[in-house]
Amino acid sequence: AFMVIGTAVSTIFAANIAKHYGRRKGFVLAQTISGLSCLAGALAIKYHSFSVLLCATFGFGAALSFIQQARFAAIESIEDKSLTPKILSILMLASIASGFIGPEIAFQFKNIFADTFMGSFIGLGIIQCIAMGLFTFFKDPSDIRDISEQPARNYLAILKSPPIFMAILASLTAYSIMSFITVSYTHLTLPT
């Protein structure tokens, strides 16, 4: 839940960083936050600190709020806009692949230190450093401009709008169901 809270709290901040300083700097900042969160997670395991683990999880969510913009950056970066569906398909496939690769890295690294799962955070930190290096090669498109012609609404007005309210309610419901299923599944015993 702290990861979701970290993402929600940081989304507007991440968008503003990307708008004012560029997506590349935002992505590098995200990898820095994520790398520091990995270090905090490893230290939380080492020193058995649940509060530090929560802070690390919040940091992962904050980093995720930047990384969610990768698909927009990919679309903005291509010259031939007819390639947009192909680029988005590749990004979705990469997301699915990372859903398998990430847990496998965590599993392979979990016992490299005396404290179980400390190595998982270290392994994730290594991946974050590699990603940070790759993001330094990203070039922000030079022709991105603010094309909004409507005056900006304040955050309270946005939150009060029915579509946003329904989206938040749907997300809350879906997350609650997912959490319920996950917790319920751990209490089931599977036949051997």
C-alpha atoms as a PDB file:
ATOM      1  CA  ALA A   1       0.000   0.000   0.000  1.00  0.00           C
ATOM      2  CA  PHE A   2       2.889   2.398   0.675  1.00  0.00           C
ATOM      3  CA  MET A   3       4.084   1.959  -2.900  1.00  0.00           C
ATOM      4  CA  VAL A   4       0.656   2.973  -4.193  1.00  0.00           C
ATOM      5  CA  ILE A   5       0.626   5.949  -1.815  1.00  0.00           C
ATOM      6  CA  GLY A   6       4.125   6.934  -2.965  1.00  0.00           C
ATOM      7  CA  THR A   7       2.989   6.831  -6.593  1.00  0.00           C
ATOM      8  CA  ALA A   8      -0.167   8.824  -5.910  1.00  0.00           C
ATOM      9  CA  VAL A   9       1.604  11.477  -3.857  1.00  0.00           C
ATOM     10  CA  SER A  10       4.450  11.890  -6.353  1.00  0.00           C
ATOM     11  CA  THR A  11       2.594  11.839  -9.683  1.00  0.00           C
ATOM     12  CA  ILE A  12       2.019  15.584  -9.969  1.00  0.00           C
ATOM     13  CA  PHE A  13       5.551  16.285  -8.719  1.00  0.00           C
ATOM     14  CA  ALA A  14       6.960  13.898 -11.350  1.00  0.00           C
ATOM     15  CA  ALA A  15       4.927  15.530 -14.121  1.00  0.00           C
ATOM     16  CA  ASN A  16       6.128  18.986 -13.080  1.00  0.00           C
ATOM     17  CA  ILE A  17       9.765  17.843 -12.975  1.00  0.00           C
ATOM     18  CA  ALA A  18       9.421  16.363 -16.469  1.00  0.00           C
ATOM     19  CA  LYS A  19       7.708  19.501 -17.760  1.00  0.00           C
ATOM     20  CA  HIS A  20      10.222  21.978 -16.353  1.00  0.00           C
ATOM     21  CA  TYR A  21      13.490  20.017 -16.494  1.00  0.00           C
ATOM     22  CA  GLY A  22      12.833  17.353 -19.143  1.00  0.00           C
ATOM     23  CA  ARG A  23      11.937  13.690 -19.019  1.00  0.00           C
ATOM     24  CA  ARG A  24      15.565  12.530 -19.070  1.00  0.00           C
ATOM     25  CA  LYS A  25      16.349  14.335 -15.829  1.00  0.00           C
ATOM     26  CA  GLY A  26      13.091  13.027 -14.389  1.00  0.00           C
ATOM     27  CA  PHE A  27      13.987   9.454 -15.312  1.00  0.00           C
ATOM     28  CA  VAL A  28      17.483   9.778 -13.859  1.00  0.00           C
ATOM     29  CA  LEU A  29      15.974  11.237 -10.674  1.00  0.00           C
ATOM     30  CA  ALA A  30      13.554   8.298 -10.557  1.00  0.00           C
ATOM     31  CA  GLN A  31      16.391   5.791 -10.803  1.00  0.00           C
ATOM     32  CA  THR A  32      18.263   7.683  -8.090  1.00  0.00           C
ATOM     33  CA  ILE A  33      15.202   7.556  -5.814  1.00  0.00           C
ATOM     34  CA  SER A  34      14.739   3.886  -6.608  1.00  0.00           C
ATOM     35  CA  GLY A  35      18.411   3.113  -5.986  1.00  0.00           C
ATOM     36  CA  LEU A  36      18.306   4.875  -2.626  1.00  0.00           C
ATOM     37  CA  SER A  37      15.110   2.972  -1.844  1.00  0.00           C
ATOM     38  CA  CYS A  38      16.937  -0.276  -2.611  1.00  0.00           C
ATOM     39  CA  LEU A  39      19.675   0.701  -0.207  1.00  0.00           C
ATOM     40  CA  ALA A  40      17.070   1.632   2.426  1.00  0.00           C
ATOM     41  CA  GLY A  41      15.296  -1.692   1.847  1.00  0.00           C
ATOM     42  CA  ALA A  42      18.527  -3.642   2.284  1.00  0.00           C
ATOM     43  CA  LEU A  43      19.324  -1.737   5.476  1.00  0.00           C
ATOM     44  CA  ALA A  44      15.771  -2.294   6.720  1.00  0.00           C
ATOM     45  CA  ILE A  45      16.258  -6.049   6.314  1.00  0.00           C
ATOM     46  CA  LYS A  46      19.688  -5.939   7.941  1.00  0.00           C
ATOM     47  CA  TYR A  47      18.517  -3.954  10.978  1.00  0.00           C
ATOM     48  CA  HIS A  48      14.973  -5.377  11.116  1.00  0.00           C
ATOM     49  CA  SER A  49      13.360  -1.953  10.756  1.00  0.00           C
ATOM     50  CA  PHE A  50       9.800  -2.066   9.459  1.00  0.00           C
ATOM     51  CA  SER A  51       9.529   1.743   9.360  1.00  0.00           C
ATOM     52  CA  VAL A  52      12.593   2.007   7.104  1.00  0.00           C
ATOM     53  CA  LEU A  53      11.116  -0.718   4.888  1.00  0.00           C
ATOM     54  CA  LEU A  54       7.932   1.355   4.589  1.00  0.00           C
ATOM     55  CA  CYS A  55       9.991   4.410   3.608  1.00  0.00           C
ATOM     56  CA  ALA A  56      11.795   2.329   0.979  1.00  0.00           C
ATOM     57  CA  THR A  57       8.482   1.087  -0.385  1.00  0.00           C
ATOM     58  CA  PHE A  58       7.173   4.667  -0.538  1.00  0.00           C
ATOM     59  CA  GLY A  59      10.335   5.594  -2.473  1.00  0.00           C
ATOM     60  CA  PHE A  60       9.691   2.823  -5.006  1.00  0.00           C
ATOM     61  CA  GLY A  61       6.217   4.262  -5.544  1.00  0.00           C
ATOM     62  CA  ALA A  62       7.632   7.760  -5.985  1.00  0.00           C
ATOM     63  CA  ALA A  63      10.094   6.456  -8.592  1.00  0.00           C
ATOM     64  CA  LEU A  64       7.269   4.621 -10.325  1.00  0.00           C
ATOM     65  CA  SER A  65       5.395   7.899 -10.771  1.00  0.00           C
ATOM     66  CA  PHE A  66       8.250   9.053 -13.031  1.00  0.00           C
ATOM     67  CA  ILE A  67       8.650   5.761 -14.869  1.00  0.00           C
ATOM     68  CA  GLN A  68       4.937   5.705 -15.744  1.00  0.00           C
ATOM     69  CA  GLN A  69       5.799   8.499 -18.186  1.00  0.00           C
ATOM     70  CA  ALA A  70       8.129   6.280 -20.241  1.00  0.00           C
ATOM     71  CA  ARG A  71       5.435   5.422 -22.770  1.00  0.00           C
ATOM     72  CA  PHE A  72       4.774   9.117 -23.387  1.00  0.00           C
ATOM     73  CA  ALA A  73       8.486   9.772 -23.770  1.00  0.00           C
ATOM     74  CA  ALA A  74       8.753   6.916 -26.254  1.00  0.00           C
ATOM     75  CA  ILE A  75       5.880   8.275 -28.344  1.00  0.00           C
ATOM     76  CA  GLU A  76       7.277  11.821 -28.272  1.00  0.00           C
ATOM     77  CA  SER A  77      10.737  10.619 -29.275  1.00  0.00           C
ATOM     78  CA  ILE A  78       9.890   8.826 -32.503  1.00  0.00           C
ATOM     79  CA  GLU A  79      10.048  10.688 -35.791  1.00  0.00           C
ATOM     80  CA  ASP A  80       7.646   8.439 -37.709  1.00  0.00           C
ATOM     81  CA  LYS A  81       4.353   8.552 -35.784  1.00  0.00           C
ATOM     82  CA  SER A  82       3.070   5.510 -37.691  1.00  0.00           C
ATOM     83  CA  LEU A  83       5.438   3.469 -35.488  1.00  0.00           C
ATOM     84  CA  THR A  84       3.528   4.457 -32.325  1.00  0.00           C
ATOM     85  CA  PRO A  85       1.515   1.192 -32.032  1.00  0.00           C
ATOM     86  CA  LYS A  86       4.656  -0.888 -32.539  1.00  0.00           C
ATOM     87  CA  ILE A  87       6.620   1.090 -29.924  1.00  0.00           C
ATOM     88  CA  LEU A  88       3.764   0.792 -27.416  1.00  0.00           C
ATOM     89  CA  SER A  89       3.546  -2.958 -28.081  1.00  0.00           C
ATOM     90  CA  ILE A  90       7.261  -3.321 -27.392  1.00  0.00           C
ATOM     91  CA  LEU A  91       6.885  -1.358 -24.150  1.00  0.00           C
ATOM     92  CA  MET A  92       3.975  -3.544 -23.042  1.00  0.00           C
ATOM     93  CA  LEU A  93       5.919  -6.698 -23.891  1.00  0.00           C
ATOM     94  CA  ALA A  94       8.887  -5.372 -21.931  1.00  0.00           C
ATOM     95  CA  SER A  95       6.577  -4.736 -18.969  1.00  0.00           C
ATOM     96  CA  ILE A  96       5.308  -8.303 -19.109  1.00  0.00           C
ATOM     97  CA  ALA A  97       8.871  -9.638 -19.380  1.00  0.00           C
ATOM     98  CA  SER A  98       9.942  -7.545 -16.393  1.00  0.00           C
ATOM     99  CA  GLY A  99       7.112  -9.140 -14.414  1.00  0.00           C
ATOM    100  CA  PHE A 100       8.966 -12.435 -14.799  1.00  0.00           C
ATOM    101  CA  ILE A 101      12.556 -11.199 -14.735  1.00  0.00           C
ATOM    102  CA  GLY A 102      12.210  -8.993 -11.624  1.00  0.00           C
ATOM    103  CA  PRO A 103      10.949 -11.738  -9.292  1.00  0.00           C
ATOM    104  CA  GLU A 104      13.548 -14.129 -10.681  1.00  0.00           C
ATOM    105  CA  ILE A 105      16.335 -11.653  -9.868  1.00  0.00           C
ATOM    106  CA  ALA A 106      14.876 -11.217  -6.370  1.00  0.00           C
ATOM    107  CA  PHE A 107      14.773 -15.016  -5.940  1.00  0.00           C
ATOM    108  CA  GLN A 108      18.325 -15.549  -7.220  1.00  0.00           C
ATOM    109  CA  PHE A 109      19.787 -12.781  -5.036  1.00  0.00           C
ATOM    110  CA  LYS A 110      17.760 -13.378  -1.862  1.00  0.00           C
ATOM    111  CA  ASN A 111      20.324 -15.573  -0.098  1.00  0.00           C
ATOM    112  CA  ILE A 112      23.621 -13.960  -1.092  1.00  0.00           C
ATOM    113  CA  PHE A 113      23.787 -12.295   2.339  1.00  0.00           C
ATOM    114  CA  ALA A 114      23.115 -13.793   5.746  1.00  0.00           C
ATOM    115  CA  ASP A 115      19.876 -11.792   6.025  1.00  0.00           C
ATOM    116  CA  THR A 116      17.320 -13.305   3.668  1.00  0.00           C
ATOM    117  CA  PHE A 117      16.078 -10.892   0.979  1.00  0.00           C
ATOM    118  CA  MET A 118      18.755  -8.306   1.674  1.00  0.00           C
ATOM    119  CA  GLY A 119      20.406  -9.500  -1.527  1.00  0.00           C
ATOM    120  CA  SER A 120      17.133  -9.037  -3.407  1.00  0.00           C
ATOM    121  CA  PHE A 121      17.272  -5.314  -2.686  1.00  0.00           C
ATOM    122  CA  ILE A 122      20.946  -5.217  -3.697  1.00  0.00           C
ATOM    123  CA  GLY A 123      20.123  -7.003  -6.963  1.00  0.00           C
ATOM    124  CA  LEU A 124      17.329  -4.546  -7.648  1.00  0.00           C
ATOM    125  CA  GLY A 125      19.739  -1.705  -6.883  1.00  0.00           C
ATOM    126  CA  ILE A 126      22.147  -3.035  -9.511  1.00  0.00           C
ATOM    127  CA  ILE A 127      19.316  -3.089 -12.045  1.00  0.00           C
ATOM    128  CA  GLN A 128      18.438   0.517 -11.096  1.00  0.00           C
ATOM    129  CA  CYS A 129      22.030   1.622 -11.695  1.00  0.00           C
ATOM    130  CA  ILE A 130      21.998  -0.016 -15.140  1.00  0.00           C
ATOM    131  CA  ALA A 131      18.666   1.665 -15.923  1.00  0.00           C
ATOM    132  CA  MET A 132      20.040   5.023 -14.775  1.00  0.00           C
ATOM    133  CA  GLY A 133      22.965   4.600 -17.144  1.00  0.00           C
ATOM    134  CA  LEU A 134      20.623   3.805 -20.017  1.00  0.00           C
ATOM    135  CA  PHE A 135      18.380   6.795 -19.268  1.00  0.00           C
ATOM    136  CA  THR A 136      21.345   9.151 -19.502  1.00  0.00           C
ATOM    137  CA  PHE A 137      21.364   8.419 -23.270  1.00  0.00           C
ATOM    138  CA  PHE A 138      17.719   9.438 -23.660  1.00  0.00           C
ATOM    139  CA  LYS A 139      17.321  12.698 -25.544  1.00  0.00           C
ATOM    140  CA  ASP A 140      14.346  14.881 -24.777  1.00  0.00           C
ATOM    141  CA  PRO A 141      12.494  15.915 -27.942  1.00  0.00           C
ATOM    142  CA  SER A 142      13.167  19.578 -28.657  1.00  0.00           C
ATOM    143  CA  ASP A 143       9.765  20.363 -30.139  1.00  0.00           C
ATOM    144  CA  ILE A 144       7.623  19.527 -27.095  1.00  0.00           C
ATOM    145  CA  ARG A 145       5.508  22.479 -26.125  1.00  0.00           C
ATOM    146  CA  ASP A 146       2.486  23.127 -23.990  1.00  0.00           C
ATOM    147  CA  ILE A 147      -0.430  22.785 -26.392  1.00  0.00           C
ATOM    148  CA  SER A 148      -3.134  23.306 -23.818  1.00  0.00           C
ATOM    149  CA  GLU A 149      -5.470  26.153 -24.751  1.00  0.00           C
ATOM    150  CA  GLN A 150      -7.763  25.823 -21.744  1.00  0.00           C
ATOM    151  CA  PRO A 151      -6.901  27.504 -18.471  1.00  0.00           C
ATOM    152  CA  ALA A 152      -5.444  25.164 -15.891  1.00  0.00           C
ATOM    153  CA  ARG A 153      -7.803  23.920 -13.177  1.00  0.00           C
ATOM    154  CA  ASN A 154      -6.726  23.717  -9.575  1.00  0.00           C
ATOM    155  CA  TYR A 155      -6.202  20.303  -7.998  1.00  0.00           C
ATOM    156  CA  LEU A 156      -9.371  20.457  -5.887  1.00  0.00           C
ATOM    157  CA  ALA A 157     -11.500  21.107  -8.974  1.00  0.00           C
ATOM    158  CA  ILE A 158      -9.875  18.148 -10.709  1.00  0.00           C
ATOM    159  CA  LEU A 159     -10.501  15.852  -7.734  1.00  0.00           C
ATOM    160  CA  LYS A 160     -14.156  16.928  -7.588  1.00  0.00           C
ATOM    161  CA  SER A 161     -14.827  16.092 -11.236  1.00  0.00           C
ATOM    162  CA  PRO A 162     -16.972  12.949 -11.704  1.00  0.00           C
ATOM    163  CA  PRO A 163     -14.569  11.121 -14.091  1.00  0.00           C
ATOM    164  CA  ILE A 164     -11.657  11.499 -11.670  1.00  0.00           C
ATOM    165  CA  PHE A 165     -13.829  10.479  -8.723  1.00  0.00           C
ATOM    166  CA  MET A 166     -14.969   7.357 -10.589  1.00  0.00           C
ATOM    167  CA  ALA A 167     -11.393   6.497 -11.585  1.00  0.00           C
ATOM    168  CA  ILE A 168     -10.231   6.811  -7.963  1.00  0.00           C
ATOM    169  CA  LEU A 169     -13.179   4.731  -6.755  1.00  0.00           C
ATOM    170  CA  ALA A 170     -12.539   2.052  -9.401  1.00  0.00           C
ATOM    171  CA  SER A 171      -8.834   1.942  -8.489  1.00  0.00           C
ATOM    172  CA  LEU A 172      -9.639   1.676  -4.803  1.00  0.00           C
ATOM    173  CA  THR A 173     -12.077  -1.159  -5.471  1.00  0.00           C
ATOM    174  CA  ALA A 174      -9.666  -3.036  -7.743  1.00  0.00           C
ATOM    175  CA  TYR A 175      -6.772  -2.667  -5.296  1.00  0.00           C
ATOM    176  CA  SER A 176      -8.984  -3.838  -2.413  1.00  0.00           C
ATOM    177  CA  ILE A 177     -10.077  -6.915  -4.363  1.00  0.00           C
ATOM    178  CA  MET A 178      -6.493  -7.679  -5.378  1.00  0.00           C
ATOM    179  CA  SER A 179      -5.334  -7.378  -1.771  1.00  0.00           C
ATOM    180  CA  PHE A 180      -8.199  -9.566  -0.563  1.00  0.00           C
ATOM    181  CA  ILE A 181      -7.425 -12.265  -3.129  1.00  0.00           C
ATOM    182  CA  THR A 182      -3.704 -12.133  -2.354  1.00  0.00           C
ATOM    183  CA  VAL A 183      -4.228 -12.438   1.398  1.00  0.00           C
ATOM    184  CA  SER A 184      -6.902 -15.120   0.967  1.00  0.00           C
ATOM    185  CA  TYR A 185      -4.660 -17.135  -1.333  1.00  0.00           C
ATOM    186  CA  THR A 186      -1.901 -17.343   1.262  1.00  0.00           C
ATOM    187  CA  HIS A 187      -4.314 -19.022   3.665  1.00  0.00           C
ATOM    188  CA  LEU A 188      -5.310 -21.749   1.227  1.00  0.00           C
ATOM    189  CA  THR A 189      -3.574 -25.085   1.368  1.00  0.00           C
ATOM    190  CA  LEU A 190      -2.941 -26.666  -1.986  1.00  0.00           C
ATOM    191  CA  PRO A 191      -3.124 -30.447  -2.396  1.00  0.00           C
ATOM    192  CA  THR A 192       0.209 -32.171  -2.887  1.00  0.00           C
END
